[in-house]
Amino acid sequence: MDDPNADRRERLERLRDQLADAIAGAEANMLPQLAGQYRATLADLAALPPVVGKVSVKDELKARREGRIAKATTPQPARRKGVKRGS
């Protein structure tokens, strides 16, 4: 079942990112307007219900990479050659 808020969330996230970039390069006279829009966008995002079970591609790839690294760096137990000691 698709999240009806997904499209709105994506649009608000893009707007948030665009506003953050605009604020970073804005002149002093534009900061109050941009900051107000940024705050309103953050409030709209916070008002949306939380996303359940959605993992971004970036997070999924990061988890897989960390799993591979952990597996590669885990020391393997030393194998002992089968030498029987006296009876």
C-alpha atoms as a PDB file:
ATOM      1  CA  MET A   1       0.000   0.000   0.000  1.00  0.00           C
ATOM      2  CA  ASP A   2       1.477   3.339  -1.054  1.00  0.00           C
ATOM      3  CA  ASP A   3       1.898   6.146   1.430  1.00  0.00           C
ATOM      4  CA  PRO A   4      -0.411   8.998   0.360  1.00  0.00           C
ATOM      5  CA  ASN A   5       1.997  11.474   1.970  1.00  0.00           C
ATOM      6  CA  ALA A   6       5.045  10.160   0.118  1.00  0.00           C
ATOM      7  CA  ASP A   7       4.790  12.580  -2.802  1.00  0.00           C
ATOM      8  CA  ARG A   8       4.205  15.519  -0.491  1.00  0.00           C
ATOM      9  CA  ARG A   9       7.106  14.449   1.721  1.00  0.00           C
ATOM     10  CA  GLU A  10       9.428  14.204  -1.297  1.00  0.00           C
ATOM     11  CA  ARG A  11       8.393  17.656  -2.534  1.00  0.00           C
ATOM     12  CA  LEU A  12       8.857  19.179   0.915  1.00  0.00           C
ATOM     13  CA  GLU A  13      12.279  17.536   1.291  1.00  0.00           C
ATOM     14  CA  ARG A  14      13.368  18.917  -2.083  1.00  0.00           C
ATOM     15  CA  LEU A  15      12.090  22.367  -1.090  1.00  0.00           C
ATOM     16  CA  ARG A  16      13.913  22.113   2.255  1.00  0.00           C
ATOM     17  CA  ASP A  17      17.172  21.291   0.468  1.00  0.00           C
ATOM     18  CA  GLN A  18      16.698  24.104  -2.059  1.00  0.00           C
ATOM     19  CA  LEU A  19      15.974  26.602   0.700  1.00  0.00           C
ATOM     20  CA  ALA A  20      19.036  25.486   2.662  1.00  0.00           C
ATOM     21  CA  ASP A  21      21.187  26.058  -0.432  1.00  0.00           C
ATOM     22  CA  ALA A  22      19.554  29.436  -1.044  1.00  0.00           C
ATOM     23  CA  ILE A  23      20.151  30.496   2.577  1.00  0.00           C
ATOM     24  CA  ALA A  24      23.810  29.509   2.335  1.00  0.00           C
ATOM     25  CA  GLY A  25      24.357  31.875  -0.585  1.00  0.00           C
ATOM     26  CA  ALA A  26      21.814  34.587   0.228  1.00  0.00           C
ATOM     27  CA  GLU A  27      22.431  38.227   0.828  1.00  0.00           C
ATOM     28  CA  ALA A  28      21.506  39.649   4.221  1.00  0.00           C
ATOM     29  CA  ASN A  29      18.308  41.303   2.974  1.00  0.00           C
ATOM     30  CA  MET A  30      16.920  37.930   1.748  1.00  0.00           C
ATOM     31  CA  LEU A  31      17.687  35.890   4.895  1.00  0.00           C
ATOM     32  CA  PRO A  32      14.485  36.713   6.844  1.00  0.00           C
ATOM     33  CA  GLN A  33      12.192  35.606   3.994  1.00  0.00           C
ATOM     34  CA  LEU A  34      14.172  32.471   3.255  1.00  0.00           C
ATOM     35  CA  ALA A  35      14.458  31.584   6.934  1.00  0.00           C
ATOM     36  CA  GLY A  36      10.687  31.940   7.339  1.00  0.00           C
ATOM     37  CA  GLN A  37      10.025  29.664   4.387  1.00  0.00           C
ATOM     38  CA  TYR A  38      12.608  27.193   5.675  1.00  0.00           C
ATOM     39  CA  ARG A  39      11.004  27.110   9.136  1.00  0.00           C
ATOM     40  CA  ALA A  40       7.540  26.600   7.628  1.00  0.00           C
ATOM     41  CA  THR A  41       8.838  23.780   5.439  1.00  0.00           C
ATOM     42  CA  LEU A  42      10.440  22.060   8.428  1.00  0.00           C
ATOM     43  CA  ALA A  43       7.168  22.394  10.362  1.00  0.00           C
ATOM     44  CA  ASP A  44       5.220  20.873   7.453  1.00  0.00           C
ATOM     45  CA  LEU A  45       7.650  17.963   7.289  1.00  0.00           C
ATOM     46  CA  ALA A  46       7.426  17.405  11.036  1.00  0.00           C
ATOM     47  CA  ALA A  47       3.618  17.364  10.837  1.00  0.00           C
ATOM     48  CA  LEU A  48       3.610  14.454   8.388  1.00  0.00           C
ATOM     49  CA  PRO A  49       3.208  10.991   9.888  1.00  0.00           C
ATOM     50  CA  PRO A  50       6.487   9.075  10.252  1.00  0.00           C
ATOM     51  CA  VAL A  51       7.575   6.854   7.412  1.00  0.00           C
ATOM     52  CA  VAL A  52       7.319   3.220   8.455  1.00  0.00           C
ATOM     53  CA  GLY A  53       9.488   0.574   6.874  1.00  0.00           C
ATOM     54  CA  LYS A  54      10.938   2.796   4.165  1.00  0.00           C
ATOM     55  CA  VAL A  55      14.692   2.607   3.835  1.00  0.00           C
ATOM     56  CA  SER A  56      16.459   4.863   1.405  1.00  0.00           C
ATOM     57  CA  VAL A  57      18.697   3.323  -1.213  1.00  0.00           C
ATOM     58  CA  LYS A  58      21.631   5.156   0.342  1.00  0.00           C
ATOM     59  CA  ASP A  59      20.933   3.677   3.782  1.00  0.00           C
ATOM     60  CA  GLU A  60      20.442   0.202   2.338  1.00  0.00           C
ATOM     61  CA  LEU A  61      23.740   0.351   0.464  1.00  0.00           C
ATOM     62  CA  LYS A  62      25.500   1.668   3.565  1.00  0.00           C
ATOM     63  CA  ALA A  63      24.154  -1.207   5.682  1.00  0.00           C
ATOM     64  CA  ARG A  64      25.211  -3.774   3.084  1.00  0.00           C
ATOM     65  CA  ARG A  65      28.711  -2.266   2.838  1.00  0.00           C
ATOM     66  CA  GLU A  66      29.090  -2.240   6.625  1.00  0.00           C
ATOM     67  CA  GLY A  67      28.016  -5.889   6.708  1.00  0.00           C
ATOM     68  CA  ARG A  68      30.639  -6.828   4.129  1.00  0.00           C
ATOM     69  CA  ILE A  69      33.325  -4.889   5.978  1.00  0.00           C
ATOM     70  CA  ALA A  70      32.399  -6.493   9.298  1.00  0.00           C
ATOM     71  CA  LYS A  71      32.492  -9.931   7.722  1.00  0.00           C
ATOM     72  CA  ALA A  72      35.864  -9.249   6.086  1.00  0.00           C
ATOM     73  CA  THR A  73      37.482  -7.900   9.241  1.00  0.00           C
ATOM     74  CA  THR A  74      36.164 -10.561  11.615  1.00  0.00           C
ATOM     75  CA  PRO A  75      39.092 -12.830  12.389  1.00  0.00           C
ATOM     76  CA  GLN A  76      38.493 -16.420  11.476  1.00  0.00           C
ATOM     77  CA  PRO A  77      39.334 -19.013  14.124  1.00  0.00           C
ATOM     78  CA  ALA A  78      42.639 -20.738  13.529  1.00  0.00           C
ATOM     79  CA  ARG A  79      42.276 -24.166  12.041  1.00  0.00           C
ATOM     80  CA  ARG A  80      44.340 -26.840  13.664  1.00  0.00           C
ATOM     81  CA  LYS A  81      45.807 -29.645  11.696  1.00  0.00           C
ATOM     82  CA  GLY A  82      44.637 -32.922  13.077  1.00  0.00           C
ATOM     83  CA  VAL A  83      47.571 -34.224  15.069  1.00  0.00           C
ATOM     84  CA  LYS A  84      46.532 -36.765  17.638  1.00  0.00           C
ATOM     85  CA  ARG A  85      48.472 -36.789  20.809  1.00  0.00           C
ATOM     86  CA  GLY A  86      49.494 -40.125  22.322  1.00  0.00           C
ATOM     87  CA  SER A  87      47.229 -42.628  23.883  1.00  0.00           C
END
